[in-house]
Amino acid sequence: MNIIPIHVTDEAGKRHTLDGIEGWRVMEIIRDYGLPIKAECGGACACATCHVYVATEWVDKLIPPNSEETMMLDDAMAVEDNSRLSCQIILSPELEGLEVTLAPNP
């Protein structure tokens, strides 16, 4: 089991360093640490309640969003150029130190 740290900033602006497991979805890591992320569909890319903002320096290091993710983001609130669904980001060694910020959730 390969442990990979990521950094998550919550809606209050507090930065958390979380140890994730390679192959897990970033949404699962955030949820399992108890941070406030809805993730209503459980990672099926059927909602946008795991919306995050990816730090600019990490955007190009991620696999680009597929058409399903893009459609879900079209319905999300406060979408930015660096918006992603955290359920679609699979943790790998290349993402050690990944920085994301939780997007506002109604």
PDB file of N, CA and C in Angstrom:
ATOM      1  N   MET A   1       0.850  -1.179   0.000  1.00  0.00           N
ATOM      2  CA  MET A   1       0.000   0.000   0.000  1.00  0.00           C
ATOM      3  C   MET A   1       0.891   1.235   0.000  1.00  0.00           C
ATOM      4  N   ASN A   2       0.685   2.081  -0.992  1.00  0.00           N
ATOM      5  CA  ASN A   2       1.487   3.283  -1.158  1.00  0.00           C
ATOM      6  C   ASN A   2       0.717   4.485  -0.596  1.00  0.00           C
ATOM      7  N   ILE A   3       1.260   5.138   0.442  1.00  0.00           N
ATOM      8  CA  ILE A   3       0.627   6.307   1.059  1.00  0.00           C
ATOM      9  C   ILE A   3       1.153   7.567   0.367  1.00  0.00           C
ATOM     10  N   ILE A   4       0.200   8.419  -0.055  1.00  0.00           N
ATOM     11  CA  ILE A   4       0.537   9.631  -0.805  1.00  0.00           C
ATOM     12  C   ILE A   4      -0.158  10.826  -0.145  1.00  0.00           C
ATOM     13  N   PRO A   5       0.600  11.795   0.352  1.00  0.00           N
ATOM     14  CA  PRO A   5      -0.034  12.966   0.974  1.00  0.00           C
ATOM     15  C   PRO A   5      -0.608  13.930  -0.064  1.00  0.00           C
ATOM     16  N   ILE A   6      -1.775  14.479   0.272  1.00  0.00           N
ATOM     17  CA  ILE A   6      -2.387  15.551  -0.514  1.00  0.00           C
ATOM     18  C   ILE A   6      -2.778  16.661   0.450  1.00  0.00           C
ATOM     19  N   HIS A   7      -3.060  17.841  -0.088  1.00  0.00           N
ATOM     20  CA  HIS A   7      -3.427  18.987   0.736  1.00  0.00           C
ATOM     21  C   HIS A   7      -4.798  19.480   0.307  1.00  0.00           C
ATOM     22  N   VAL A   8      -5.675  19.624   1.281  1.00  0.00           N
ATOM     23  CA  VAL A   8      -7.047  20.043   1.018  1.00  0.00           C
ATOM     24  C   VAL A   8      -7.358  21.261   1.876  1.00  0.00           C
ATOM     25  N   THR A   9      -7.838  22.317   1.233  1.00  0.00           N
ATOM     26  CA  THR A   9      -8.272  23.513   1.954  1.00  0.00           C
ATOM     27  C   THR A   9      -9.786  23.478   2.020  1.00  0.00           C
ATOM     28  N   ASP A  10     -10.315  23.590   3.243  1.00  0.00           N
ATOM     29  CA  ASP A  10     -11.770  23.542   3.407  1.00  0.00           C
ATOM     30  C   ASP A  10     -12.387  24.912   3.137  1.00  0.00           C
ATOM     31  N   GLU A  11     -13.705  24.990   3.219  1.00  0.00           N
ATOM     32  CA  GLU A  11     -14.406  26.237   2.897  1.00  0.00           C
ATOM     33  C   GLU A  11     -14.073  27.367   3.862  1.00  0.00           C
ATOM     34  N   ALA A  12     -13.592  27.032   5.058  1.00  0.00           N
ATOM     35  CA  ALA A  12     -13.202  28.050   6.031  1.00  0.00           C
ATOM     36  C   ALA A  12     -11.778  28.543   5.795  1.00  0.00           C
ATOM     37  N   GLY A  13     -11.084  27.945   4.821  1.00  0.00           N
ATOM     38  CA  GLY A  13      -9.716  28.364   4.523  1.00  0.00           C
ATOM     39  C   GLY A  13      -8.648  27.599   5.274  1.00  0.00           C
ATOM     40  N   LYS A  14      -9.037  26.568   6.035  1.00  0.00           N
ATOM     41  CA  LYS A  14      -8.060  25.781   6.787  1.00  0.00           C
ATOM     42  C   LYS A  14      -7.475  24.690   5.886  1.00  0.00           C
ATOM     43  N   ARG A  15      -6.149  24.608   5.887  1.00  0.00           N
ATOM     44  CA  ARG A  15      -5.435  23.623   5.057  1.00  0.00           C
ATOM     45  C   ARG A  15      -5.208  22.346   5.865  1.00  0.00           C
ATOM     46  N   HIS A  16      -5.533  21.225   5.243  1.00  0.00           N
ATOM     47  CA  HIS A  16      -5.380  19.912   5.871  1.00  0.00           C
ATOM     48  C   HIS A  16      -4.447  19.067   5.002  1.00  0.00           C
ATOM     49  N   THR A  17      -3.497  18.384   5.615  1.00  0.00           N
ATOM     50  CA  THR A  17      -2.669  17.428   4.891  1.00  0.00           C
ATOM     51  C   THR A  17      -3.228  16.046   5.203  1.00  0.00           C
ATOM     52  N   LEU A  18      -3.626  15.340   4.145  1.00  0.00           N
ATOM     53  CA  LEU A  18      -4.255  14.035   4.287  1.00  0.00           C
ATOM     54  C   LEU A  18      -3.377  12.972   3.642  1.00  0.00           C
ATOM     55  N   ASP A  19      -3.257  11.840   4.301  1.00  0.00           N
ATOM     56  CA  ASP A  19      -2.535  10.709   3.712  1.00  0.00           C
ATOM     57  C   ASP A  19      -3.528   9.870   2.935  1.00  0.00           C
ATOM     58  N   GLY A  20      -3.330   9.795   1.631  1.00  0.00           N
ATOM     59  CA  GLY A  20      -4.209   9.015   0.772  1.00  0.00           C
ATOM     60  C   GLY A  20      -3.540   7.725   0.346  1.00  0.00           C
ATOM     61  N   ILE A  21      -4.335   6.814  -0.156  1.00  0.00           N
ATOM     62  CA  ILE A  21      -3.838   5.531  -0.628  1.00  0.00           C
ATOM     63  C   ILE A  21      -3.873   5.531  -2.156  1.00  0.00           C
ATOM     64  N   GLU A  22      -2.779   5.122  -2.748  1.00  0.00           N
ATOM     65  CA  GLU A  22      -2.698   5.054  -4.206  1.00  0.00           C
ATOM     66  C   GLU A  22      -3.884   4.257  -4.754  1.00  0.00           C
ATOM     67  N   GLY A  23      -4.509   4.800  -5.801  1.00  0.00           N
ATOM     68  CA  GLY A  23      -5.644   4.138  -6.432  1.00  0.00           C
ATOM     69  C   GLY A  23      -6.992   4.587  -5.909  1.00  0.00           C
ATOM     70  N   TRP A  24      -7.002   5.300  -4.780  1.00  0.00           N
ATOM     71  CA  TRP A  24      -8.261   5.812  -4.233  1.00  0.00           C
ATOM     72  C   TRP A  24      -8.634   7.103  -4.933  1.00  0.00           C
ATOM     73  N   ARG A  25      -9.917   7.391  -4.924  1.00  0.00           N
ATOM     74  CA  ARG A  25     -10.405   8.663  -5.453  1.00  0.00           C
ATOM     75  C   ARG A  25     -10.144   9.749  -4.415  1.00  0.00           C
ATOM     76  N   VAL A  26      -9.777  10.937  -4.869  1.00  0.00           N
ATOM     77  CA  VAL A  26      -9.528  12.044  -3.940  1.00  0.00           C
ATOM     78  C   VAL A  26     -10.776  12.299  -3.091  1.00  0.00           C
ATOM     79  N   MET A  27     -11.952  12.145  -3.679  1.00  0.00           N
ATOM     80  CA  MET A  27     -13.203  12.319  -2.926  1.00  0.00           C
ATOM     81  C   MET A  27     -13.262  11.360  -1.740  1.00  0.00           C
ATOM     82  N   GLU A  28     -12.860  10.105  -1.931  1.00  0.00           N
ATOM     83  CA  GLU A  28     -12.897   9.114  -0.850  1.00  0.00           C
ATOM     84  C   GLU A  28     -11.962   9.508   0.286  1.00  0.00           C
ATOM     85  N   ILE A  29     -10.809  10.025  -0.067  1.00  0.00           N
ATOM     86  CA  ILE A  29      -9.834  10.431   0.944  1.00  0.00           C
ATOM     87  C   ILE A  29     -10.386  11.597   1.757  1.00  0.00           C
ATOM     88  N   ILE A  30     -10.931  12.592   1.073  1.00  0.00           N
ATOM     89  CA  ILE A  30     -11.500  13.761   1.756  1.00  0.00           C
ATOM     90  C   ILE A  30     -12.644  13.332   2.666  1.00  0.00           C
ATOM     91  N   ARG A  31     -13.548  12.512   2.152  1.00  0.00           N
ATOM     92  CA  ARG A  31     -14.708  12.038   2.919  1.00  0.00           C
ATOM     93  C   ARG A  31     -14.270  11.213   4.136  1.00  0.00           C
ATOM     94  N   ASP A  32     -13.316  10.306   3.934  1.00  0.00           N
ATOM     95  CA  ASP A  32     -12.891   9.428   5.021  1.00  0.00           C
ATOM     96  C   ASP A  32     -12.169  10.170   6.137  1.00  0.00           C
ATOM     97  N   TYR A  33     -11.595  11.331   5.832  1.00  0.00           N
ATOM     98  CA  TYR A  33     -10.980  12.159   6.868  1.00  0.00           C
ATOM     99  C   TYR A  33     -12.011  13.014   7.593  1.00  0.00           C
ATOM    100  N   GLY A  34     -13.252  12.983   7.123  1.00  0.00           N
ATOM    101  CA  GLY A  34     -14.321  13.708   7.802  1.00  0.00           C
ATOM    102  C   GLY A  34     -14.457  15.157   7.407  1.00  0.00           C
ATOM    103  N   LEU A  35     -13.814  15.556   6.320  1.00  0.00           N
ATOM    104  CA  LEU A  35     -13.982  16.935   5.864  1.00  0.00           C
ATOM    105  C   LEU A  35     -15.350  17.072   5.202  1.00  0.00           C
ATOM    106  N   PRO A  36     -15.916  18.276   5.208  1.00  0.00           N
ATOM    107  CA  PRO A  36     -17.291  18.468   4.727  1.00  0.00           C
ATOM    108  C   PRO A  36     -17.405  18.427   3.192  1.00  0.00           C
ATOM    109  N   ILE A  37     -17.565  17.230   2.674  1.00  0.00           N
ATOM    110  CA  ILE A  37     -17.788  17.049   1.234  1.00  0.00           C
ATOM    111  C   ILE A  37     -19.007  16.145   1.103  1.00  0.00           C
ATOM    112  N   LYS A  38     -19.979  16.552   0.310  1.00  0.00           N
ATOM    113  CA  LYS A  38     -21.225  15.790   0.213  1.00  0.00           C
ATOM    114  C   LYS A  38     -21.036  14.468  -0.521  1.00  0.00           C
ATOM    115  N   ALA A  39     -20.506  14.509  -1.720  1.00  0.00           N
ATOM    116  CA  ALA A  39     -20.265  13.290  -2.502  1.00  0.00           C
ATOM    117  C   ALA A  39     -21.494  12.385  -2.514  1.00  0.00           C
ATOM    118  N   GLU A  40     -22.624  12.972  -2.867  1.00  0.00           N
ATOM    119  CA  GLU A  40     -23.910  12.274  -2.770  1.00  0.00           C
ATOM    120  C   GLU A  40     -23.997  11.004  -3.608  1.00  0.00           C
ATOM    121  N   CYS A  41     -23.338  10.974  -4.766  1.00  0.00           N
ATOM    122  CA  CYS A  41     -23.452   9.784  -5.625  1.00  0.00           C
ATOM    123  C   CYS A  41     -22.392   8.737  -5.303  1.00  0.00           C
ATOM    124  N   GLY A  42     -21.512   9.027  -4.370  1.00  0.00           N
ATOM    125  CA  GLY A  42     -20.512   8.053  -3.956  1.00  0.00           C
ATOM    126  C   GLY A  42     -19.395   7.808  -4.951  1.00  0.00           C
ATOM    127  N   GLY A  43     -19.246   8.683  -5.917  1.00  0.00           N
ATOM    128  CA  GLY A  43     -18.148   8.551  -6.863  1.00  0.00           C
ATOM    129  C   GLY A  43     -18.555   8.059  -8.234  1.00  0.00           C
ATOM    130  N   ALA A  44     -19.848   8.058  -8.515  1.00  0.00           N
ATOM    131  CA  ALA A  44     -20.350   7.554  -9.800  1.00  0.00           C
ATOM    132  C   ALA A  44     -20.385   8.619 -10.893  1.00  0.00           C
ATOM    133  N   CYS A  45     -19.900   9.813 -10.613  1.00  0.00           N
ATOM    134  CA  CYS A  45     -19.912  10.937 -11.562  1.00  0.00           C
ATOM    135  C   CYS A  45     -21.348  11.246 -11.983  1.00  0.00           C
ATOM    136  N   ALA A  46     -22.258  11.193 -10.998  1.00  0.00           N
ATOM    137  CA  ALA A  46     -23.671  11.437 -11.278  1.00  0.00           C
ATOM    138  C   ALA A  46     -24.193  12.679 -10.574  1.00  0.00           C
ATOM    139  N   CYS A  47     -23.310  13.417  -9.921  1.00  0.00           N
ATOM    140  CA  CYS A  47     -23.681  14.677  -9.278  1.00  0.00           C
ATOM    141  C   CYS A  47     -22.429  15.551  -9.306  1.00  0.00           C
ATOM    142  N   ALA A  48     -22.478  16.693  -8.716  1.00  0.00           N
ATOM    143  CA  ALA A  48     -21.283  17.546  -8.672  1.00  0.00           C
ATOM    144  C   ALA A  48     -20.994  17.991  -7.245  1.00  0.00           C
ATOM    145  N   THR A  49     -21.421  17.182  -6.275  1.00  0.00           N
ATOM    146  CA  THR A  49     -21.276  17.582  -4.876  1.00  0.00           C
ATOM    147  C   THR A  49     -19.890  17.289  -4.302  1.00  0.00           C
ATOM    148  N   CYS A  50     -18.972  16.808  -5.132  1.00  0.00           N
ATOM    149  CA  CYS A  50     -17.580  16.624  -4.701  1.00  0.00           C
ATOM    150  C   CYS A  50     -16.662  17.588  -5.456  1.00  0.00           C
ATOM    151  N   HIS A  51     -17.257  18.667  -5.925  1.00  0.00           N
ATOM    152  CA  HIS A  51     -16.566  19.701  -6.704  1.00  0.00           C
ATOM    153  C   HIS A  51     -15.418  20.305  -5.888  1.00  0.00           C
ATOM    154  N   VAL A  52     -14.246  20.379  -6.514  1.00  0.00           N
ATOM    155  CA  VAL A  52     -13.080  21.021  -5.903  1.00  0.00           C
ATOM    156  C   VAL A  52     -12.414  21.926  -6.926  1.00  0.00           C
ATOM    157  N   TYR A  53     -11.595  22.832  -6.413  1.00  0.00           N
ATOM    158  CA  TYR A  53     -10.731  23.656  -7.252  1.00  0.00           C
ATOM    159  C   TYR A  53      -9.320  23.096  -7.121  1.00  0.00           C
ATOM    160  N   VAL A  54      -8.709  22.786  -8.229  1.00  0.00           N
ATOM    161  CA  VAL A  54      -7.349  22.255  -8.245  1.00  0.00           C
ATOM    162  C   VAL A  54      -6.376  23.426  -8.358  1.00  0.00           C
ATOM    163  N   ALA A  55      -5.348  23.420  -7.518  1.00  0.00           N
ATOM    164  CA  ALA A  55      -4.336  24.485  -7.581  1.00  0.00           C
ATOM    165  C   ALA A  55      -3.766  24.549  -8.993  1.00  0.00           C
ATOM    166  N   THR A  56      -3.549  25.760  -9.474  1.00  0.00           N
ATOM    167  CA  THR A  56      -3.133  26.008 -10.854  1.00  0.00           C
ATOM    168  C   THR A  56      -1.956  25.139 -11.277  1.00  0.00           C
ATOM    169  N   GLU A  57      -0.972  24.991 -10.432  1.00  0.00           N
ATOM    170  CA  GLU A  57       0.225  24.228 -10.803  1.00  0.00           C
ATOM    171  C   GLU A  57      -0.033  22.732 -10.963  1.00  0.00           C
ATOM    172  N   TRP A  58      -1.207  22.266 -10.544  1.00  0.00           N
ATOM    173  CA  TRP A  58      -1.551  20.839 -10.641  1.00  0.00           C
ATOM    174  C   TRP A  58      -2.507  20.529 -11.788  1.00  0.00           C
ATOM    175  N   VAL A  59      -3.168  21.515 -12.344  1.00  0.00           N
ATOM    176  CA  VAL A  59      -4.207  21.283 -13.356  1.00  0.00           C
ATOM    177  C   VAL A  59      -3.688  20.445 -14.514  1.00  0.00           C
ATOM    178  N   ASP A  60      -2.553  20.789 -15.071  1.00  0.00           N
ATOM    179  CA  ASP A  60      -2.023  20.078 -16.235  1.00  0.00           C
ATOM    180  C   ASP A  60      -1.427  18.719 -15.896  1.00  0.00           C
ATOM    181  N   LYS A  61      -1.287  18.402 -14.614  1.00  0.00           N
ATOM    182  CA  LYS A  61      -0.741  17.107 -14.205  1.00  0.00           C
ATOM    183  C   LYS A  61      -1.839  16.050 -14.075  1.00  0.00           C
ATOM    184  N   LEU A  62      -3.089  16.491 -14.139  1.00  0.00           N
ATOM    185  CA  LEU A  62      -4.215  15.567 -14.020  1.00  0.00           C
ATOM    186  C   LEU A  62      -4.648  15.074 -15.396  1.00  0.00           C
ATOM    187  N   ILE A  63      -5.228  13.894 -15.417  1.00  0.00           N
ATOM    188  CA  ILE A  63      -5.858  13.406 -16.638  1.00  0.00           C
ATOM    189  C   ILE A  63      -7.023  14.345 -16.932  1.00  0.00           C
ATOM    190  N   PRO A  64      -7.173  14.806 -18.162  1.00  0.00           N
ATOM    191  CA  PRO A  64      -8.264  15.741 -18.475  1.00  0.00           C
ATOM    192  C   PRO A  64      -9.640  15.141 -18.165  1.00  0.00           C
ATOM    193  N   PRO A  65     -10.616  15.996 -17.845  1.00  0.00           N
ATOM    194  CA  PRO A  65     -11.962  15.485 -17.550  1.00  0.00           C
ATOM    195  C   PRO A  65     -12.587  14.835 -18.778  1.00  0.00           C
ATOM    196  N   ASN A  66     -13.354  13.758 -18.532  1.00  0.00           N
ATOM    197  CA  ASN A  66     -14.077  13.129 -19.640  1.00  0.00           C
ATOM    198  C   ASN A  66     -15.400  13.867 -19.845  1.00  0.00           C
ATOM    199  N   SER A  67     -16.165  13.460 -20.833  1.00  0.00           N
ATOM    200  CA  SER A  67     -17.406  14.173 -21.167  1.00  0.00           C
ATOM    201  C   SER A  67     -18.431  14.108 -20.038  1.00  0.00           C
ATOM    202  N   GLU A  68     -18.479  12.989 -19.295  1.00  0.00           N
ATOM    203  CA  GLU A  68     -19.423  12.892 -18.164  1.00  0.00           C
ATOM    204  C   GLU A  68     -19.103  13.921 -17.086  1.00  0.00           C
ATOM    205  N   GLU A  69     -17.823  14.028 -16.747  1.00  0.00           N
ATOM    206  CA  GLU A  69     -17.417  14.992 -15.728  1.00  0.00           C
ATOM    207  C   GLU A  69     -17.705  16.412 -16.191  1.00  0.00           C
ATOM    208  N   THR A  70     -17.425  16.704 -17.438  1.00  0.00           N
ATOM    209  CA  THR A  70     -17.681  18.030 -17.981  1.00  0.00           C
ATOM    210  C   THR A  70     -19.168  18.367 -17.909  1.00  0.00           C
ATOM    211  N   MET A  71     -20.029  17.400 -18.233  1.00  0.00           N
ATOM    212  CA  MET A  71     -21.476  17.629 -18.148  1.00  0.00           C
ATOM    213  C   MET A  71     -21.913  17.885 -16.706  1.00  0.00           C
ATOM    214  N   MET A  72     -21.369  17.148 -15.757  1.00  0.00           N
ATOM    215  CA  MET A  72     -21.718  17.352 -14.351  1.00  0.00           C
ATOM    216  C   MET A  72     -21.252  18.723 -13.874  1.00  0.00           C
ATOM    217  N   LEU A  73     -20.070  19.140 -14.294  1.00  0.00           N
ATOM    218  CA  LEU A  73     -19.566  20.453 -13.896  1.00  0.00           C
ATOM    219  C   LEU A  73     -20.401  21.574 -14.498  1.00  0.00           C
ATOM    220  N   ASP A  74     -21.012  21.334 -15.654  1.00  0.00           N
ATOM    221  CA  ASP A  74     -21.894  22.335 -16.259  1.00  0.00           C
ATOM    222  C   ASP A  74     -23.059  22.683 -15.341  1.00  0.00           C
ATOM    223  N   ASP A  75     -23.452  21.739 -14.481  1.00  0.00           N
ATOM    224  CA  ASP A  75     -24.573  21.955 -13.560  1.00  0.00           C
ATOM    225  C   ASP A  75     -24.137  22.376 -12.160  1.00  0.00           C
ATOM    226  N   ALA A  76     -22.835  22.437 -11.932  1.00  0.00           N
ATOM    227  CA  ALA A  76     -22.325  22.784 -10.601  1.00  0.00           C
ATOM    228  C   ALA A  76     -22.351  24.298 -10.389  1.00  0.00           C
ATOM    229  N   MET A  77     -22.287  24.690  -9.123  1.00  0.00           N
ATOM    230  CA  MET A  77     -22.235  26.106  -8.757  1.00  0.00           C
ATOM    231  C   MET A  77     -20.780  26.571  -8.721  1.00  0.00           C
ATOM    232  N   ALA A  78     -20.564  27.826  -9.021  1.00  0.00           N
ATOM    233  CA  ALA A  78     -19.255  28.485  -8.856  1.00  0.00           C
ATOM    234  C   ALA A  78     -18.120  27.752  -9.573  1.00  0.00           C
ATOM    235  N   VAL A  79     -18.379  27.311 -10.794  1.00  0.00           N
ATOM    236  CA  VAL A  79     -17.366  26.598 -11.574  1.00  0.00           C
ATOM    237  C   VAL A  79     -16.310  27.580 -12.079  1.00  0.00           C
ATOM    238  N   GLU A  80     -15.066  27.156 -11.967  1.00  0.00           N
ATOM    239  CA  GLU A  80     -13.920  27.935 -12.444  1.00  0.00           C
ATOM    240  C   GLU A  80     -13.143  27.091 -13.458  1.00  0.00           C
ATOM    241  N   ASP A  81     -12.154  27.681 -14.098  1.00  0.00           N
ATOM    242  CA  ASP A  81     -11.337  26.943 -15.064  1.00  0.00           C
ATOM    243  C   ASP A  81     -10.615  25.756 -14.429  1.00  0.00           C
ATOM    244  N   ASN A  82     -10.348  25.830 -13.133  1.00  0.00           N
ATOM    245  CA  ASN A  82      -9.631  24.763 -12.434  1.00  0.00           C
ATOM    246  C   ASN A  82     -10.565  23.840 -11.645  1.00  0.00           C
ATOM    247  N   SER A  83     -11.856  23.863 -11.968  1.00  0.00           N
ATOM    248  CA  SER A  83     -12.830  23.009 -11.289  1.00  0.00           C
ATOM    249  C   SER A  83     -12.710  21.571 -11.762  1.00  0.00           C
ATOM    250  N   ARG A  84     -12.821  20.648 -10.815  1.00  0.00           N
ATOM    251  CA  ARG A  84     -12.853  19.225 -11.117  1.00  0.00           C
ATOM    252  C   ARG A  84     -13.772  18.540 -10.110  1.00  0.00           C
ATOM    253  N   LEU A  85     -14.220  17.347 -10.464  1.00  0.00           N
ATOM    254  CA  LEU A  85     -14.944  16.507  -9.509  1.00  0.00           C
ATOM    255  C   LEU A  85     -13.899  15.620  -8.850  1.00  0.00           C
ATOM    256  N   SER A  86     -13.827  15.682  -7.529  1.00  0.00           N
ATOM    257  CA  SER A  86     -12.781  14.927  -6.835  1.00  0.00           C
ATOM    258  C   SER A  86     -12.967  13.418  -6.956  1.00  0.00           C
ATOM    259  N   CYS A  87     -14.170  12.974  -7.318  1.00  0.00           N
ATOM    260  CA  CYS A  87     -14.384  11.538  -7.529  1.00  0.00           C
ATOM    261  C   CYS A  87     -13.728  11.049  -8.813  1.00  0.00           C
ATOM    262  N   GLN A  88     -13.331  11.962  -9.670  1.00  0.00           N
ATOM    263  CA  GLN A  88     -12.718  11.584 -10.937  1.00  0.00           C
ATOM    264  C   GLN A  88     -11.193  11.743 -10.931  1.00  0.00           C
ATOM    265  N   ILE A  89     -10.637  12.107  -9.774  1.00  0.00           N
ATOM    266  CA  ILE A  89      -9.184  12.227  -9.637  1.00  0.00           C
ATOM    267  C   ILE A  89      -8.700  11.016  -8.847  1.00  0.00           C
ATOM    268  N   ILE A  90      -7.983  10.129  -9.525  1.00  0.00           N
ATOM    269  CA  ILE A  90      -7.462   8.913  -8.899  1.00  0.00           C
ATOM    270  C   ILE A  90      -6.041   9.190  -8.426  1.00  0.00           C
ATOM    271  N   LEU A  91      -5.792   8.917  -7.147  1.00  0.00           N
ATOM    272  CA  LEU A  91      -4.496   9.229  -6.556  1.00  0.00           C
ATOM    273  C   LEU A  91      -3.410   8.296  -7.091  1.00  0.00           C
ATOM    274  N   SER A  92      -2.320   8.903  -7.525  1.00  0.00           N
ATOM    275  CA  SER A  92      -1.159   8.171  -8.021  1.00  0.00           C
ATOM    276  C   SER A  92       0.096   8.830  -7.463  1.00  0.00           C
ATOM    277  N   PRO A  93       1.229   8.140  -7.512  1.00  0.00           N
ATOM    278  CA  PRO A  93       2.466   8.740  -6.991  1.00  0.00           C
ATOM    279  C   PRO A  93       2.793  10.090  -7.620  1.00  0.00           C
ATOM    280  N   GLU A  94       2.404  10.297  -8.874  1.00  0.00           N
ATOM    281  CA  GLU A  94       2.669  11.569  -9.552  1.00  0.00           C
ATOM    282  C   GLU A  94       1.899  12.725  -8.923  1.00  0.00           C
ATOM    283  N   LEU A  95       0.871  12.399  -8.142  1.00  0.00           N
ATOM    284  CA  LEU A  95       0.041  13.440  -7.531  1.00  0.00           C
ATOM    285  C   LEU A  95       0.408  13.706  -6.067  1.00  0.00           C
ATOM    286  N   GLU A  96       1.567  13.216  -5.644  1.00  0.00           N
ATOM    287  CA  GLU A  96       2.010  13.494  -4.273  1.00  0.00           C
ATOM    288  C   GLU A  96       2.108  14.990  -4.063  1.00  0.00           C
ATOM    289  N   GLY A  97       1.405  15.502  -3.048  1.00  0.00           N
ATOM    290  CA  GLY A  97       1.401  16.929  -2.761  1.00  0.00           C
ATOM    291  C   GLY A  97       0.291  17.689  -3.458  1.00  0.00           C
ATOM    292  N   LEU A  98      -0.596  16.988  -4.164  1.00  0.00           N
ATOM    293  CA  LEU A  98      -1.725  17.628  -4.851  1.00  0.00           C
ATOM    294  C   LEU A  98      -2.434  18.607  -3.922  1.00  0.00           C
ATOM    295  N   GLU A  99      -2.796  19.758  -4.461  1.00  0.00           N
ATOM    296  CA  GLU A  99      -3.473  20.801  -3.693  1.00  0.00           C
ATOM    297  C   GLU A  99      -4.850  21.039  -4.282  1.00  0.00           C
ATOM    298  N   VAL A 100      -5.898  20.864  -3.470  1.00  0.00           N
ATOM    299  CA  VAL A 100      -7.259  21.175  -3.892  1.00  0.00           C
ATOM    300  C   VAL A 100      -7.962  21.974  -2.798  1.00  0.00           C
ATOM    301  N   THR A 101      -8.973  22.711  -3.217  1.00  0.00           N
ATOM    302  CA  THR A 101      -9.822  23.479  -2.305  1.00  0.00           C
ATOM    303  C   THR A 101     -11.252  23.062  -2.510  1.00  0.00           C
ATOM    304  N   LEU A 102     -11.967  22.799  -1.430  1.00  0.00           N
ATOM    305  CA  LEU A 102     -13.370  22.421  -1.541  1.00  0.00           C
ATOM    306  C   LEU A 102     -14.178  23.592  -2.086  1.00  0.00           C
ATOM    307  N   ALA A 103     -14.995  23.318  -3.074  1.00  0.00           N
ATOM    308  CA  ALA A 103     -15.880  24.345  -3.647  1.00  0.00           C
ATOM    309  C   ALA A 103     -17.089  24.516  -2.741  1.00  0.00           C
ATOM    310  N   PRO A 104     -17.745  25.683  -2.805  1.00  0.00           N
ATOM    311  CA  PRO A 104     -18.935  25.883  -1.987  1.00  0.00           C
ATOM    312  C   PRO A 104     -20.014  24.870  -2.364  1.00  0.00           C
ATOM    313  N   ASN A 105     -20.664  24.347  -1.348  1.00  0.00           N
ATOM    314  CA  ASN A 105     -21.749  23.387  -1.558  1.00  0.00           C
ATOM    315  C   ASN A 105     -23.001  23.908  -0.876  1.00  0.00           C
ATOM    316  N   PRO A 106     -24.096  23.948  -1.612  1.00  0.00           N
ATOM    317  CA  PRO A 106     -25.338  24.458  -0.998  1.00  0.00           C
ATOM    318  C   PRO A 106     -25.885  23.513   0.059  1.00  0.00           C
TER     319      PRO A 106
END
